[in-house]
Structures are given as C-alpha cells and as structure tokens.
Amino acid sequence: MSGAEVLRRSLRVLQQGVSVLNFPEGTTTLGNAVLPFRRGIFGLAPITGVPVIPIALRFEPPGMAWVGNAYFVSHCLPAFGRSHWTA
C-alpha cells in the first residue's frame, strides 16, 4: 500500500508543478549495471504531461553510493563528513 500512496502523493505534487526525483530501478546500485526499470512514477508522466528527464548518478569513490542494507543515516553521516567526493 505504501507504493500506491507514494504514487498518489506524486501525482498531486506533479500537478502542482513540483519536480519529483524517481529512481526507476526501485533501488540503488554501485552503478556497474542497469537493473530493469519499474513503471512507478513513469506511469504518471502521460497523465500529467510532465516530461521525464533521464540522468545517471555515479559517485567517486564508489563507496559513496548508498546501496544494500545500509541504513541511510549511518551511511550519510560519514559520507557527508568527507572533505571531498564527486557525484
């Protein structure tokens, strides 16, 4: 049910002109392969007339990517404490 709620909220904000960031694979990876895309928010583009603008994110060093079962906060605190990294 949480996926349906995300889509409903996304539809509302897209209709209000707010941009929405979508990870089409439904997860994050190290970027060494592209996983199959999930329909998700892509299905809202034709309904709202909002364009889909594809981008790719790659991090240097690769360990900066938030992947696997890592908790977001415990990953980000050390990552944001680094003096230099590139996305």
PDB file of N, CA and C in Angstrom:
ATOM      1  N   MET A   1       0.815  -1.204   0.000  1.00  0.00           N
ATOM      2  CA  MET A   1       0.000   0.000   0.000  1.00  0.00           C
ATOM      3  C   MET A   1       0.856   1.264   0.000  1.00  0.00           C
ATOM      4  N   SER A   2       2.098   1.179   0.523  1.00  0.00           N
ATOM      5  CA  SER A   2       2.927   2.378   0.576  1.00  0.00           C
ATOM      6  C   SER A   2       3.281   2.853  -0.829  1.00  0.00           C
ATOM      7  N   GLY A   3       3.473   1.932  -1.775  1.00  0.00           N
ATOM      8  CA  GLY A   3       3.762   2.317  -3.151  1.00  0.00           C
ATOM      9  C   GLY A   3       2.617   3.082  -3.770  1.00  0.00           C
ATOM     10  N   ALA A   4       1.392   2.653  -3.502  1.00  0.00           N
ATOM     11  CA  ALA A   4       0.211   3.344  -4.021  1.00  0.00           C
ATOM     12  C   ALA A   4       0.106   4.747  -3.422  1.00  0.00           C
ATOM     13  N   GLU A   5       0.409   4.875  -2.157  1.00  0.00           N
ATOM     14  CA  GLU A   5       0.356   6.192  -1.509  1.00  0.00           C
ATOM     15  C   GLU A   5       1.416   7.123  -2.098  1.00  0.00           C
ATOM     16  N   VAL A   6       2.595   6.600  -2.362  1.00  0.00           N
ATOM     17  CA  VAL A   6       3.652   7.412  -2.989  1.00  0.00           C
ATOM     18  C   VAL A   6       3.187   7.909  -4.359  1.00  0.00           C
ATOM     19  N   LEU A   7       2.547   7.038  -5.129  1.00  0.00           N
ATOM     20  CA  LEU A   7       2.057   7.449  -6.443  1.00  0.00           C
ATOM     21  C   LEU A   7       0.971   8.520  -6.325  1.00  0.00           C
ATOM     22  N   ARG A   8       0.072   8.378  -5.373  1.00  0.00           N
ATOM     23  CA  ARG A   8      -0.976   9.391  -5.186  1.00  0.00           C
ATOM     24  C   ARG A   8      -0.369  10.741  -4.810  1.00  0.00           C
ATOM     25  N   ARG A   9       0.573  10.721  -3.886  1.00  0.00           N
ATOM     26  CA  ARG A   9       1.230  11.974  -3.478  1.00  0.00           C
ATOM     27  C   ARG A   9       2.030  12.571  -4.630  1.00  0.00           C
ATOM     28  N   SER A  10       2.714  11.718  -5.364  1.00  0.00           N
ATOM     29  CA  SER A  10       3.496  12.189  -6.506  1.00  0.00           C
ATOM     30  C   SER A  10       2.599  12.820  -7.554  1.00  0.00           C
ATOM     31  N   LEU A  11       1.459  12.219  -7.801  1.00  0.00           N
ATOM     32  CA  LEU A  11       0.508  12.778  -8.760  1.00  0.00           C
ATOM     33  C   LEU A  11       0.085  14.180  -8.330  1.00  0.00           C
ATOM     34  N   ARG A  12      -0.236  14.341  -7.045  1.00  0.00           N
ATOM     35  CA  ARG A  12      -0.661  15.658  -6.548  1.00  0.00           C
ATOM     36  C   ARG A  12       0.436  16.711  -6.716  1.00  0.00           C
ATOM     37  N   VAL A  13       1.654  16.367  -6.341  1.00  0.00           N
ATOM     38  CA  VAL A  13       2.710  17.384  -6.421  1.00  0.00           C
ATOM     39  C   VAL A  13       3.110  17.664  -7.866  1.00  0.00           C
ATOM     40  N   LEU A  14       3.091  16.651  -8.723  1.00  0.00           N
ATOM     41  CA  LEU A  14       3.377  16.892 -10.138  1.00  0.00           C
ATOM     42  C   LEU A  14       2.334  17.828 -10.747  1.00  0.00           C
ATOM     43  N   GLN A  15       1.079  17.643 -10.373  1.00  0.00           N
ATOM     44  CA  GLN A  15       0.011  18.512 -10.872  1.00  0.00           C
ATOM     45  C   GLN A  15       0.168  19.942 -10.363  1.00  0.00           C
ATOM     46  N   GLN A  16       0.892  20.105  -9.250  1.00  0.00           N
ATOM     47  CA  GLN A  16       1.149  21.441  -8.695  1.00  0.00           C
ATOM     48  C   GLN A  16       2.422  22.062  -9.275  1.00  0.00           C
ATOM     49  N   GLY A  17       3.104  21.324 -10.169  1.00  0.00           N
ATOM     50  CA  GLY A  17       4.307  21.863 -10.805  1.00  0.00           C
ATOM     51  C   GLY A  17       5.599  21.586 -10.073  1.00  0.00           C
ATOM     52  N   VAL A  18       5.563  20.705  -9.093  1.00  0.00           N
ATOM     53  CA  VAL A  18       6.758  20.364  -8.327  1.00  0.00           C
ATOM     54  C   VAL A  18       7.484  19.207  -9.014  1.00  0.00           C
ATOM     55  N   SER A  19       8.801  19.301  -9.125  1.00  0.00           N
ATOM     56  CA  SER A  19       9.590  18.213  -9.703  1.00  0.00           C
ATOM     57  C   SER A  19       9.691  17.050  -8.729  1.00  0.00           C
ATOM     58  N   VAL A  20       9.753  15.845  -9.274  1.00  0.00           N
ATOM     59  CA  VAL A  20       9.858  14.636  -8.460  1.00  0.00           C
ATOM     60  C   VAL A  20      11.059  13.832  -8.957  1.00  0.00           C
ATOM     61  N   LEU A  21      11.908  13.412  -8.034  1.00  0.00           N
ATOM     62  CA  LEU A  21      13.044  12.560  -8.369  1.00  0.00           C
ATOM     63  C   LEU A  21      12.618  11.111  -8.221  1.00  0.00           C
ATOM     64  N   ASN A  22      12.889  10.313  -9.219  1.00  0.00           N
ATOM     65  CA  ASN A  22      12.489   8.912  -9.230  1.00  0.00           C
ATOM     66  C   ASN A  22      13.708   8.041  -9.510  1.00  0.00           C
ATOM     67  N   PHE A  23      13.883   6.992  -8.755  1.00  0.00           N
ATOM     68  CA  PHE A  23      14.909   6.001  -9.041  1.00  0.00           C
ATOM     69  C   PHE A  23      14.202   4.840  -9.730  1.00  0.00           C
ATOM     70  N   PRO A  24      14.267   4.772 -11.054  1.00  0.00           N
ATOM     71  CA  PRO A  24      13.431   3.846 -11.819  1.00  0.00           C
ATOM     72  C   PRO A  24      13.720   2.373 -11.588  1.00  0.00           C
ATOM     73  N   GLU A  25      14.879   2.058 -11.040  1.00  0.00           N
ATOM     74  CA  GLU A  25      15.175   0.658 -10.760  1.00  0.00           C
ATOM     75  C   GLU A  25      14.559   0.210  -9.440  1.00  0.00           C
ATOM     76  N   GLY A  26      14.054   1.143  -8.671  1.00  0.00           N
ATOM     77  CA  GLY A  26      13.423   0.819  -7.396  1.00  0.00           C
ATOM     78  C   GLY A  26      14.422   0.584  -6.282  1.00  0.00           C
ATOM     79  N   THR A  27      15.697   0.818  -6.550  1.00  0.00           N
ATOM     80  CA  THR A  27      16.745   0.622  -5.564  1.00  0.00           C
ATOM     81  C   THR A  27      17.971   1.389  -6.027  1.00  0.00           C
ATOM     82  N   THR A  28      18.994   1.379  -5.222  1.00  0.00           N
ATOM     83  CA  THR A  28      20.263   1.981  -5.618  1.00  0.00           C
ATOM     84  C   THR A  28      21.275   0.865  -5.850  1.00  0.00           C
ATOM     85  N   THR A  29      22.238   1.128  -6.718  1.00  0.00           N
ATOM     86  CA  THR A  29      23.282   0.144  -7.016  1.00  0.00           C
ATOM     87  C   THR A  29      24.625   0.845  -7.069  1.00  0.00           C
ATOM     88  N   LEU A  30      25.678   0.072  -7.224  1.00  0.00           N
ATOM     89  CA  LEU A  30      27.009   0.649  -7.395  1.00  0.00           C
ATOM     90  C   LEU A  30      27.180   1.262  -8.775  1.00  0.00           C
ATOM     91  N   GLY A  31      26.244   1.038  -9.665  1.00  0.00           N
ATOM     92  CA  GLY A  31      26.287   1.655 -10.973  1.00  0.00           C
ATOM     93  C   GLY A  31      27.032   0.866 -12.028  1.00  0.00           C
ATOM     94  N   ASN A  32      27.431  -0.358 -11.703  1.00  0.00           N
ATOM     95  CA  ASN A  32      28.166  -1.159 -12.683  1.00  0.00           C
ATOM     96  C   ASN A  32      27.229  -1.917 -13.622  1.00  0.00           C
ATOM     97  N   ALA A  33      25.935  -1.824 -13.394  1.00  0.00           N
ATOM     98  CA  ALA A  33      24.941  -2.443 -14.272  1.00  0.00           C
ATOM     99  C   ALA A  33      23.621  -1.704 -14.082  1.00  0.00           C
ATOM    100  N   VAL A  34      22.774  -1.772 -15.087  1.00  0.00           N
ATOM    101  CA  VAL A  34      21.445  -1.162 -15.002  1.00  0.00           C
ATOM    102  C   VAL A  34      20.434  -2.274 -14.775  1.00  0.00           C
ATOM    103  N   LEU A  35      19.641  -2.132 -13.714  1.00  0.00           N
ATOM    104  CA  LEU A  35      18.616  -3.117 -13.408  1.00  0.00           C
ATOM    105  C   LEU A  35      17.355  -2.801 -14.218  1.00  0.00           C
ATOM    106  N   PRO A  36      16.433  -3.740 -14.325  1.00  0.00           N
ATOM    107  CA  PRO A  36      15.178  -3.455 -15.026  1.00  0.00           C
ATOM    108  C   PRO A  36      14.434  -2.297 -14.357  1.00  0.00           C
ATOM    109  N   PHE A  37      13.848  -1.431 -15.175  1.00  0.00           N
ATOM    110  CA  PHE A  37      13.085  -0.305 -14.654  1.00  0.00           C
ATOM    111  C   PHE A  37      11.706  -0.777 -14.214  1.00  0.00           C
ATOM    112  N   ARG A  38      11.200  -0.148 -13.159  1.00  0.00           N
ATOM    113  CA  ARG A  38       9.839  -0.382 -12.694  1.00  0.00           C
ATOM    114  C   ARG A  38       8.973   0.769 -13.200  1.00  0.00           C
ATOM    115  N   ARG A  39       7.741   0.493 -13.468  1.00  0.00           N
ATOM    116  CA  ARG A  39       6.868   1.522 -14.039  1.00  0.00           C
ATOM    117  C   ARG A  39       6.735   2.715 -13.106  1.00  0.00           C
ATOM    118  N   GLY A  40       6.356   2.491 -11.877  1.00  0.00           N
ATOM    119  CA  GLY A  40       6.276   3.527 -10.858  1.00  0.00           C
ATOM    120  C   GLY A  40       5.787   4.869 -11.358  1.00  0.00           C
ATOM    121  N   ILE A  41       6.553   5.880 -11.074  1.00  0.00           N
ATOM    122  CA  ILE A  41       6.186   7.252 -11.400  1.00  0.00           C
ATOM    123  C   ILE A  41       6.176   7.494 -12.906  1.00  0.00           C
ATOM    124  N   PHE A  42       6.882   6.671 -13.679  1.00  0.00           N
ATOM    125  CA  PHE A  42       6.848   6.840 -15.133  1.00  0.00           C
ATOM    126  C   PHE A  42       5.413   6.821 -15.657  1.00  0.00           C
ATOM    127  N   GLY A  43       4.554   6.060 -15.022  1.00  0.00           N
ATOM    128  CA  GLY A  43       3.163   5.973 -15.454  1.00  0.00           C
ATOM    129  C   GLY A  43       2.399   7.273 -15.262  1.00  0.00           C
ATOM    130  N   LEU A  44       2.924   8.180 -14.427  1.00  0.00           N
ATOM    131  CA  LEU A  44       2.254   9.454 -14.192  1.00  0.00           C
ATOM    132  C   LEU A  44       2.616  10.493 -15.245  1.00  0.00           C
ATOM    133  N   ALA A  45       3.707  10.296 -15.963  1.00  0.00           N
ATOM    134  CA  ALA A  45       4.149  11.293 -16.952  1.00  0.00           C
ATOM    135  C   ALA A  45       3.086  11.569 -18.010  1.00  0.00           C
ATOM    136  N   PRO A  46       2.503  10.550 -18.646  1.00  0.00           N
ATOM    137  CA  PRO A  46       1.489  10.865 -19.655  1.00  0.00           C
ATOM    138  C   PRO A  46       0.196  11.432 -19.057  1.00  0.00           C
ATOM    139  N   ILE A  47      -0.100  11.086 -17.821  1.00  0.00           N
ATOM    140  CA  ILE A  47      -1.311  11.603 -17.167  1.00  0.00           C
ATOM    141  C   ILE A  47      -1.173  13.097 -16.881  1.00  0.00           C
ATOM    142  N   THR A  48       0.019  13.496 -16.428  1.00  0.00           N
ATOM    143  CA  THR A  48       0.238  14.887 -16.017  1.00  0.00           C
ATOM    144  C   THR A  48       0.840  15.742 -17.128  1.00  0.00           C
ATOM    145  N   GLY A  49       1.361  15.104 -18.169  1.00  0.00           N
ATOM    146  CA  GLY A  49       2.029  15.854 -19.227  1.00  0.00           C
ATOM    147  C   GLY A  49       3.396  16.361 -18.821  1.00  0.00           C
ATOM    148  N   VAL A  50       3.945  15.807 -17.748  1.00  0.00           N
ATOM    149  CA  VAL A  50       5.255  16.210 -17.249  1.00  0.00           C
ATOM    150  C   VAL A  50       6.327  15.410 -17.991  1.00  0.00           C
ATOM    151  N   PRO A  51       7.374  16.078 -18.476  1.00  0.00           N
ATOM    152  CA  PRO A  51       8.429  15.335 -19.179  1.00  0.00           C
ATOM    153  C   PRO A  51       9.280  14.513 -18.214  1.00  0.00           C
ATOM    154  N   VAL A  52       9.801  13.415 -18.718  1.00  0.00           N
ATOM    155  CA  VAL A  52      10.757  12.598 -17.976  1.00  0.00           C
ATOM    156  C   VAL A  52      12.145  13.011 -18.451  1.00  0.00           C
ATOM    157  N   ILE A  53      12.992  13.432 -17.530  1.00  0.00           N
ATOM    158  CA  ILE A  53      14.342  13.866 -17.867  1.00  0.00           C
ATOM    159  C   ILE A  53      15.316  12.875 -17.246  1.00  0.00           C
ATOM    160  N   PRO A  54      15.893  11.992 -18.070  1.00  0.00           N
ATOM    161  CA  PRO A  54      16.787  10.968 -17.515  1.00  0.00           C
ATOM    162  C   PRO A  54      18.151  11.527 -17.130  1.00  0.00           C
ATOM    163  N   ILE A  55      18.658  11.040 -16.015  1.00  0.00           N
ATOM    164  CA  ILE A  55      20.023  11.342 -15.583  1.00  0.00           C
ATOM    165  C   ILE A  55      20.609  10.062 -15.007  1.00  0.00           C
ATOM    166  N   ALA A  56      21.897  10.041 -14.851  1.00  0.00           N
ATOM    167  CA  ALA A  56      22.581   8.938 -14.175  1.00  0.00           C
ATOM    168  C   ALA A  56      23.466   9.544 -13.101  1.00  0.00           C
ATOM    169  N   LEU A  57      23.532   8.900 -11.960  1.00  0.00           N
ATOM    170  CA  LEU A  57      24.413   9.335 -10.880  1.00  0.00           C
ATOM    171  C   LEU A  57      25.505   8.300 -10.695  1.00  0.00           C
ATOM    172  N   ARG A  58      26.712   8.757 -10.613  1.00  0.00           N
ATOM    173  CA  ARG A  58      27.841   7.885 -10.301  1.00  0.00           C
ATOM    174  C   ARG A  58      28.691   8.617  -9.276  1.00  0.00           C
ATOM    175  N   PHE A  59      29.151   7.897  -8.278  1.00  0.00           N
ATOM    176  CA  PHE A  59      29.907   8.507  -7.189  1.00  0.00           C
ATOM    177  C   PHE A  59      31.366   8.081  -7.237  1.00  0.00           C
ATOM    178  N   GLU A  60      32.236   9.003  -6.872  1.00  0.00           N
ATOM    179  CA  GLU A  60      33.656   8.722  -6.682  1.00  0.00           C
ATOM    180  C   GLU A  60      34.034   9.211  -5.302  1.00  0.00           C
ATOM    181  N   PRO A  61      34.545   8.379  -4.460  1.00  0.00           N
ATOM    182  CA  PRO A  61      34.789   6.962  -4.647  1.00  0.00           C
ATOM    183  C   PRO A  61      33.478   6.175  -4.656  1.00  0.00           C
ATOM    184  N   PRO A  62      33.481   4.988  -5.274  1.00  0.00           N
ATOM    185  CA  PRO A  62      32.252   4.200  -5.387  1.00  0.00           C
ATOM    186  C   PRO A  62      31.577   3.907  -4.052  1.00  0.00           C
ATOM    187  N   GLY A  63      32.330   3.843  -2.986  1.00  0.00           N
ATOM    188  CA  GLY A  63      31.767   3.578  -1.665  1.00  0.00           C
ATOM    189  C   GLY A  63      30.812   4.647  -1.177  1.00  0.00           C
ATOM    190  N   MET A  64      30.754   5.763  -1.883  1.00  0.00           N
ATOM    191  CA  MET A  64      29.832   6.833  -1.504  1.00  0.00           C
ATOM    192  C   MET A  64      28.389   6.475  -1.847  1.00  0.00           C
ATOM    193  N   ALA A  65      28.181   5.522  -2.739  1.00  0.00           N
ATOM    194  CA  ALA A  65      26.820   5.133  -3.129  1.00  0.00           C
ATOM    195  C   ALA A  65      26.125   4.445  -1.958  1.00  0.00           C
ATOM    196  N   TRP A  66      24.875   4.772  -1.755  1.00  0.00           N
ATOM    197  CA  TRP A  66      24.068   4.164  -0.696  1.00  0.00           C
ATOM    198  C   TRP A  66      23.399   2.934  -1.287  1.00  0.00           C
ATOM    199  N   VAL A  67      23.897   1.766  -0.939  1.00  0.00           N
ATOM    200  CA  VAL A  67      23.414   0.516  -1.529  1.00  0.00           C
ATOM    201  C   VAL A  67      23.213  -0.551  -0.459  1.00  0.00           C
ATOM    202  N   GLY A  68      22.562  -1.618  -0.875  1.00  0.00           N
ATOM    203  CA  GLY A  68      22.395  -2.775   0.003  1.00  0.00           C
ATOM    204  C   GLY A  68      21.496  -2.484   1.173  1.00  0.00           C
ATOM    205  N   ASN A  69      21.828  -3.059   2.298  1.00  0.00           N
ATOM    206  CA  ASN A  69      21.006  -2.925   3.500  1.00  0.00           C
ATOM    207  C   ASN A  69      21.499  -1.836   4.440  1.00  0.00           C
ATOM    208  N   ALA A  70      22.351  -0.948   3.943  1.00  0.00           N
ATOM    209  CA  ALA A  70      22.881   0.125   4.782  1.00  0.00           C
ATOM    210  C   ALA A  70      21.745   1.058   5.203  1.00  0.00           C
ATOM    211  N   TYR A  71      21.774   1.467   6.460  1.00  0.00           N
ATOM    212  CA  TYR A  71      20.817   2.461   6.928  1.00  0.00           C
ATOM    213  C   TYR A  71      21.230   3.820   6.397  1.00  0.00           C
ATOM    214  N   PHE A  72      20.262   4.615   5.970  1.00  0.00           N
ATOM    215  CA  PHE A  72      20.549   5.884   5.320  1.00  0.00           C
ATOM    216  C   PHE A  72      21.386   6.813   6.201  1.00  0.00           C
ATOM    217  N   VAL A  73      20.962   7.040   7.429  1.00  0.00           N
ATOM    218  CA  VAL A  73      21.660   7.992   8.300  1.00  0.00           C
ATOM    219  C   VAL A  73      23.063   7.510   8.615  1.00  0.00           C
ATOM    220  N   SER A  74      23.217   6.235   8.950  1.00  0.00           N
ATOM    221  CA  SER A  74      24.559   5.743   9.285  1.00  0.00           C
ATOM    222  C   SER A  74      25.476   5.747   8.073  1.00  0.00           C
ATOM    223  N   HIS A  75      24.926   5.708   6.868  1.00  0.00           N
ATOM    224  CA  HIS A  75      25.742   5.835   5.657  1.00  0.00           C
ATOM    225  C   HIS A  75      26.086   7.302   5.396  1.00  0.00           C
ATOM    226  N   CYS A  76      25.104   8.170   5.517  1.00  0.00           N
ATOM    227  CA  CYS A  76      25.296   9.570   5.132  1.00  0.00           C
ATOM    228  C   CYS A  76      26.173  10.375   6.080  1.00  0.00           C
ATOM    229  N   LEU A  77      26.111  10.105   7.364  1.00  0.00           N
ATOM    230  CA  LEU A  77      26.913  10.902   8.290  1.00  0.00           C
ATOM    231  C   LEU A  77      28.403  10.833   7.957  1.00  0.00           C
ATOM    232  N   PRO A  78      28.992   9.642   7.793  1.00  0.00           N
ATOM    233  CA  PRO A  78      30.405   9.609   7.400  1.00  0.00           C
ATOM    234  C   PRO A  78      30.628  10.153   5.983  1.00  0.00           C
ATOM    235  N   ALA A  79      29.691   9.888   5.085  1.00  0.00           N
ATOM    236  CA  ALA A  79      29.842  10.356   3.704  1.00  0.00           C
ATOM    237  C   ALA A  79      29.869  11.880   3.655  1.00  0.00           C
ATOM    238  N   PHE A  80      28.958  12.528   4.357  1.00  0.00           N
ATOM    239  CA  PHE A  80      28.906  13.986   4.332  1.00  0.00           C
ATOM    240  C   PHE A  80      30.043  14.611   5.127  1.00  0.00           C
ATOM    241  N   GLY A  81      30.687  13.824   5.981  1.00  0.00           N
ATOM    242  CA  GLY A  81      31.826  14.318   6.739  1.00  0.00           C
ATOM    243  C   GLY A  81      33.136  14.301   5.952  1.00  0.00           C
ATOM    244  N   ARG A  82      33.127  13.682   4.781  1.00  0.00           N
ATOM    245  CA  ARG A  82      34.336  13.635   3.949  1.00  0.00           C
ATOM    246  C   ARG A  82      34.639  15.010   3.385  1.00  0.00           C
ATOM    247  N   SER A  83      35.925  15.275   3.200  1.00  0.00           N
ATOM    248  CA  SER A  83      36.301  16.576   2.654  1.00  0.00           C
ATOM    249  C   SER A  83      36.068  16.667   1.150  1.00  0.00           C
ATOM    250  N   HIS A  84      36.026  15.511   0.464  1.00  0.00           N
ATOM    251  CA  HIS A  84      35.859  15.552  -0.987  1.00  0.00           C
ATOM    252  C   HIS A  84      35.240  14.266  -1.495  1.00  0.00           C
ATOM    253  N   TRP A  85      34.269  14.411  -2.348  1.00  0.00           N
ATOM    254  CA  TRP A  85      33.715  13.315  -3.120  1.00  0.00           C
ATOM    255  C   TRP A  85      33.006  13.912  -4.313  1.00  0.00           C
ATOM    256  N   THR A  86      32.794  13.101  -5.334  1.00  0.00           N
ATOM    257  CA  THR A  86      32.228  13.592  -6.571  1.00  0.00           C
ATOM    258  C   THR A  86      30.988  12.783  -6.921  1.00  0.00           C
ATOM    259  N   ALA A  87      29.950  13.471  -7.352  1.00  0.00           N
ATOM    260  CA  ALA A  87      28.745  12.805  -7.847  1.00  0.00           C
ATOM    261  C   ALA A  87      28.519  13.256  -9.270  1.00  0.00           C
TER     262      ALA A  87
END
